[in-house]
Amino acid sequence: MTSVRRAAALLVASLLVLAAAAEAQAAGYRYWSFWDRSGDRWTYATQGPASERPDDGSVQGFRFAVSADSSDADRPRGTADFGSICAKTPAKAGTKRVALVLDFGTRADAPSGEIPPAAREVCARVSPDASTADALAEAAKPLRYDTNALLCAIAGYPARGCGEQVAADDKAEKPSGKQAAPKDDGPSLGLPLGIGVVAVLGGAAFWQARRRRNA
């Protein structure tokens, strides 16, 4: 019986090691995150740019980076001051102005073969009911979306890819700085782990019952 218990413990330990290794290998996803500016702080947006209806004088930000989840997402860099960004775009009746901070990220986060453009701060003049996506289309063409309406590229960057998963081995160390990342729909080790434990412990129970009958 001791050998069966040892086998069970060994299997559990092995599967836990595999689960930890798989978790460590997945560094996150490469995508554009969307941010609201409140005072001097960036806040991860609670809705997408197509749903957000910013007021005149709002500051909105986009950051391209590799992020594992919302707590790890990199914020746009820069001062993000509406007065400075929209200084040359005077107010006009029947329109609103939205300041946009576009941070294309670092070389470490760039897809292979691409170089991120310099960050931009632009002022979009749009209709009063326009969304952030409308303001972005006005000021940072060309935009690219996938079939699920996920924003893939701003001002043509990146040229390809959209929210792809990035393994740790493919990603260089990036500076800290902090949306939710897309869900990983791939296989999980949780189910195989549970099945393996149940199988071994079930076998142990079978041999213990048989030993009692033969005693």
Protein backbone atom coordinates (compact mmCIF):
# COMPACT_ATOMS: atom_id res chain seq x y z
CA MET A 1 0.00 0.00 0.00
CA THR A 2 2.90 2.30 0.77
CA SER A 3 4.14 2.06 -2.82
CA VAL A 4 0.71 3.03 -4.16
CA ARG A 5 0.56 6.08 -1.92
CA ARG A 6 4.03 7.07 -3.01
CA ALA A 7 2.98 6.74 -6.67
CA ALA A 8 -0.05 8.94 -6.02
CA ALA A 9 2.06 11.58 -4.31
CA LEU A 10 4.62 11.48 -7.13
CA LEU A 11 1.93 11.93 -9.80
CA VAL A 12 0.34 14.85 -7.96
CA ALA A 13 3.73 16.53 -7.54
CA SER A 14 4.62 15.97 -11.21
CA LEU A 15 1.34 17.41 -12.49
CA LEU A 16 1.65 20.42 -10.21
CA VAL A 17 5.12 21.08 -11.62
CA LEU A 18 3.73 20.84 -15.17
CA ALA A 19 0.90 23.24 -14.30
CA ALA A 20 3.35 25.75 -12.85
CA ALA A 21 5.59 25.46 -15.91
CA ALA A 22 2.68 26.08 -18.28
CA GLU A 23 1.61 29.10 -16.23
CA ALA A 24 5.13 30.53 -16.29
CA GLN A 25 5.43 30.06 -20.05
CA ALA A 26 2.36 32.20 -20.87
CA ALA A 27 3.51 35.80 -20.48
CA GLY A 28 0.26 37.38 -21.64
CA TYR A 29 -1.32 38.89 -24.74
CA ARG A 30 -0.16 41.55 -27.18
CA TYR A 31 -2.95 44.11 -27.64
CA TRP A 32 -4.14 47.72 -27.39
CA SER A 33 -5.53 48.57 -23.94
CA PHE A 34 -7.93 51.49 -23.42
CA TRP A 35 -7.74 54.03 -20.58
CA ASP A 36 -9.67 56.98 -19.09
CA ARG A 37 -7.86 59.96 -17.63
CA SER A 38 -9.19 61.35 -14.34
CA GLY A 39 -7.18 64.21 -12.91
CA ASP A 40 -3.57 63.09 -13.03
CA ARG A 41 -4.30 59.35 -13.08
CA TRP A 42 -5.07 56.74 -15.72
CA THR A 43 -7.92 54.33 -15.00
CA TYR A 44 -8.48 51.13 -16.96
CA ALA A 45 -11.65 51.72 -19.01
CA THR A 46 -14.72 49.77 -17.92
CA GLN A 47 -16.18 49.69 -21.44
CA GLY A 48 -14.83 49.60 -24.96
CA PRO A 49 -14.03 52.69 -27.08
CA ALA A 50 -17.11 52.09 -29.27
CA SER A 51 -19.36 52.37 -26.19
CA GLU A 52 -17.56 55.18 -24.38
CA ARG A 53 -19.09 58.64 -25.02
CA PRO A 54 -16.54 61.11 -23.64
CA ASP A 55 -17.46 64.66 -22.74
CA ASP A 56 -15.84 67.71 -24.26
CA GLY A 57 -12.48 68.15 -22.54
CA SER A 58 -11.95 64.45 -21.87
CA VAL A 59 -8.59 62.71 -22.15
CA GLN A 60 -8.51 59.09 -23.33
CA GLY A 61 -5.49 56.85 -23.79
CA PHE A 62 -4.42 53.74 -25.70
CA ARG A 63 -1.34 51.66 -24.95
CA PHE A 64 0.08 48.80 -27.01
CA ALA A 65 1.84 46.23 -24.86
CA VAL A 66 2.01 42.64 -23.71
CA SER A 67 -0.09 42.18 -20.59
CA ALA A 68 -1.09 39.12 -18.58
CA ASP A 69 -4.20 40.71 -17.06
CA SER A 70 -5.73 44.06 -16.07
CA SER A 71 -3.46 44.47 -13.05
CA ASP A 72 -0.42 44.01 -15.29
CA ALA A 73 -1.58 46.25 -18.17
CA ASP A 74 0.77 49.13 -19.02
CA ARG A 75 -0.62 52.65 -18.79
CA PRO A 76 -0.05 55.25 -21.51
CA ARG A 77 3.00 57.38 -20.84
CA GLY A 78 3.18 61.16 -20.88
CA THR A 79 1.58 64.08 -19.06
CA ALA A 80 -1.76 63.81 -20.90
CA ASP A 81 -2.91 67.38 -20.30
CA PHE A 82 -6.03 68.38 -22.24
CA GLY A 83 -5.08 72.07 -22.33
CA SER A 84 -1.75 71.28 -23.99
CA ILE A 85 -3.01 68.61 -26.38
CA CYS A 86 -5.96 70.66 -27.64
CA ALA A 87 -4.34 74.10 -27.40
CA LYS A 88 -4.42 74.53 -31.19
CA THR A 89 -7.95 73.17 -31.58
CA PRO A 90 -10.31 75.87 -30.31
CA ALA A 91 -13.80 75.06 -29.07
CA LYS A 92 -16.53 75.17 -31.72
CA ALA A 93 -20.29 75.18 -31.33
CA GLY A 94 -21.96 71.89 -32.16
CA THR A 95 -18.79 69.83 -31.58
CA LYS A 96 -16.67 68.47 -28.75
CA ARG A 97 -12.94 67.95 -28.38
CA VAL A 98 -11.35 64.77 -27.09
CA ALA A 99 -7.65 64.54 -26.31
CA LEU A 100 -6.13 61.19 -27.29
CA VAL A 101 -2.83 59.81 -26.02
CA LEU A 102 -1.51 57.06 -28.29
CA ASP A 103 1.36 55.08 -26.81
CA PHE A 104 2.68 52.52 -29.31
CA GLY A 105 4.73 50.74 -26.66
CA THR A 106 8.31 49.54 -26.56
CA ARG A 107 10.53 47.37 -28.75
CA ALA A 108 10.13 44.58 -26.19
CA ASP A 109 6.37 44.50 -26.82
CA ALA A 110 6.52 44.93 -30.61
CA PRO A 111 5.69 42.02 -32.92
CA SER A 112 8.69 40.46 -34.62
CA GLY A 113 10.09 42.67 -37.38
CA GLU A 114 8.15 45.80 -36.36
CA ILE A 115 9.31 49.01 -34.72
CA PRO A 116 6.80 50.99 -32.65
CA PRO A 117 6.20 54.58 -33.81
CA ALA A 118 6.78 57.45 -31.45
CA ALA A 119 3.95 58.22 -29.04
CA ARG A 120 1.37 60.76 -30.22
CA GLU A 121 -0.97 63.20 -28.54
CA VAL A 122 -3.80 64.34 -30.80
CA CYS A 123 -6.94 66.40 -30.40
CA ALA A 124 -10.04 65.09 -32.18
CA ARG A 125 -12.95 67.39 -32.93
CA VAL A 126 -16.11 65.28 -33.27
CA SER A 127 -19.89 65.54 -32.95
CA PRO A 128 -21.33 65.82 -29.42
CA ASP A 129 -22.62 62.22 -29.45
CA ALA A 130 -19.44 60.67 -30.88
CA SER A 131 -17.76 57.72 -29.17
CA THR A 132 -14.07 57.37 -28.39
CA ALA A 133 -13.84 55.03 -31.39
CA ASP A 134 -15.23 57.82 -33.58
CA ALA A 135 -12.64 60.24 -32.21
CA LEU A 136 -9.90 57.69 -32.82
CA ALA A 137 -11.06 57.18 -36.42
CA GLU A 138 -10.97 60.94 -36.92
CA ALA A 139 -7.44 61.40 -35.61
CA ALA A 140 -5.47 58.16 -36.02
CA LYS A 141 -6.29 56.39 -39.28
CA PRO A 142 -5.90 53.72 -40.47
CA LEU A 143 -7.54 51.58 -37.81
CA ARG A 144 -7.82 47.82 -38.05
CA TYR A 145 -10.38 45.60 -36.32
CA ASP A 146 -10.86 41.83 -36.31
CA THR A 147 -14.13 40.00 -37.03
CA ASN A 148 -15.11 40.32 -33.34
CA ALA A 149 -14.65 44.12 -33.43
CA LEU A 150 -11.47 43.94 -31.35
CA LEU A 151 -9.21 46.92 -32.02
CA CYS A 152 -6.08 45.47 -33.61
CA ALA A 153 -4.15 48.47 -34.99
CA ILE A 154 -4.04 52.24 -34.54
CA ALA A 155 -2.45 54.39 -37.25
CA GLY A 156 -1.57 51.14 -38.99
CA TYR A 157 0.38 49.70 -36.05
CA PRO A 158 0.95 46.85 -35.76
CA ALA A 159 0.74 45.75 -39.38
CA ARG A 160 -0.44 42.27 -38.42
CA GLY A 161 -1.65 40.26 -35.46
CA CYS A 162 -4.47 40.92 -33.02
CA GLY A 163 -4.48 40.02 -29.34
CA GLU A 164 -2.24 37.01 -29.83
CA GLN A 165 -0.85 35.11 -26.86
CA VAL A 166 2.85 35.63 -26.22
CA ALA A 167 5.01 33.01 -24.53
CA ALA A 168 7.59 34.07 -21.98
CA ASP A 169 10.42 32.85 -24.21
CA ASP A 170 9.25 35.17 -27.03
CA LYS A 171 9.09 38.28 -24.89
CA ALA A 172 11.99 40.33 -23.64
CA GLU A 173 11.94 41.90 -20.19
CA LYS A 174 9.71 44.97 -20.23
CA PRO A 175 9.54 47.97 -17.92
CA SER A 176 6.79 48.03 -15.32
CA GLY A 177 3.86 50.31 -15.81
CA LYS A 178 0.42 49.16 -15.60
CA GLN A 179 -7.22 46.18 -19.65
CA ALA A 180 -8.58 43.04 -19.33
CA ALA A 181 -6.46 40.79 -21.46
CA PRO A 182 -8.34 38.41 -23.73
CA LYS A 183 -9.26 35.10 -22.14
CA ASP A 184 -7.13 32.07 -22.80
CA ASP A 185 -9.47 29.48 -24.30
CA GLY A 186 -6.70 26.90 -24.58
CA PRO A 187 -6.54 23.65 -22.63
CA SER A 188 -6.06 23.78 -18.89
CA LEU A 189 -4.00 21.40 -16.78
CA GLY A 190 -6.61 21.58 -14.03
CA LEU A 191 -8.78 18.85 -15.54
CA PRO A 192 -5.92 16.40 -16.33
CA LEU A 193 -4.57 17.01 -12.83
CA GLY A 194 -7.90 16.12 -11.23
CA ILE A 195 -8.35 13.06 -13.44
CA GLY A 196 -4.83 11.82 -12.64
CA VAL A 197 -5.31 12.18 -8.90
CA VAL A 198 -8.70 10.46 -8.98
CA ALA A 199 -7.28 7.61 -11.06
CA VAL A 200 -4.36 6.93 -8.74
CA LEU A 201 -6.36 7.30 -5.52
CA GLY A 202 -9.10 5.12 -6.98
CA GLY A 203 -6.50 2.45 -7.73
CA ALA A 204 -5.19 2.70 -4.20
CA ALA A 205 -8.67 2.19 -2.79
CA PHE A 206 -9.16 -0.86 -5.04
CA TRP A 207 -5.95 -2.53 -3.88
CA GLN A 208 -6.68 -1.72 -0.23
CA ALA A 209 -10.14 -3.34 -0.47
CA ARG A 210 -8.67 -6.41 -2.21
CA ARG A 211 -6.01 -6.75 0.46
CA ARG A 212 -8.65 -6.68 3.20
CA ARG A 213 -10.67 -9.40 1.46
CA ASN A 214 -7.58 -11.60 1.20
CA ALA A 215 -6.52 -11.02 4.78
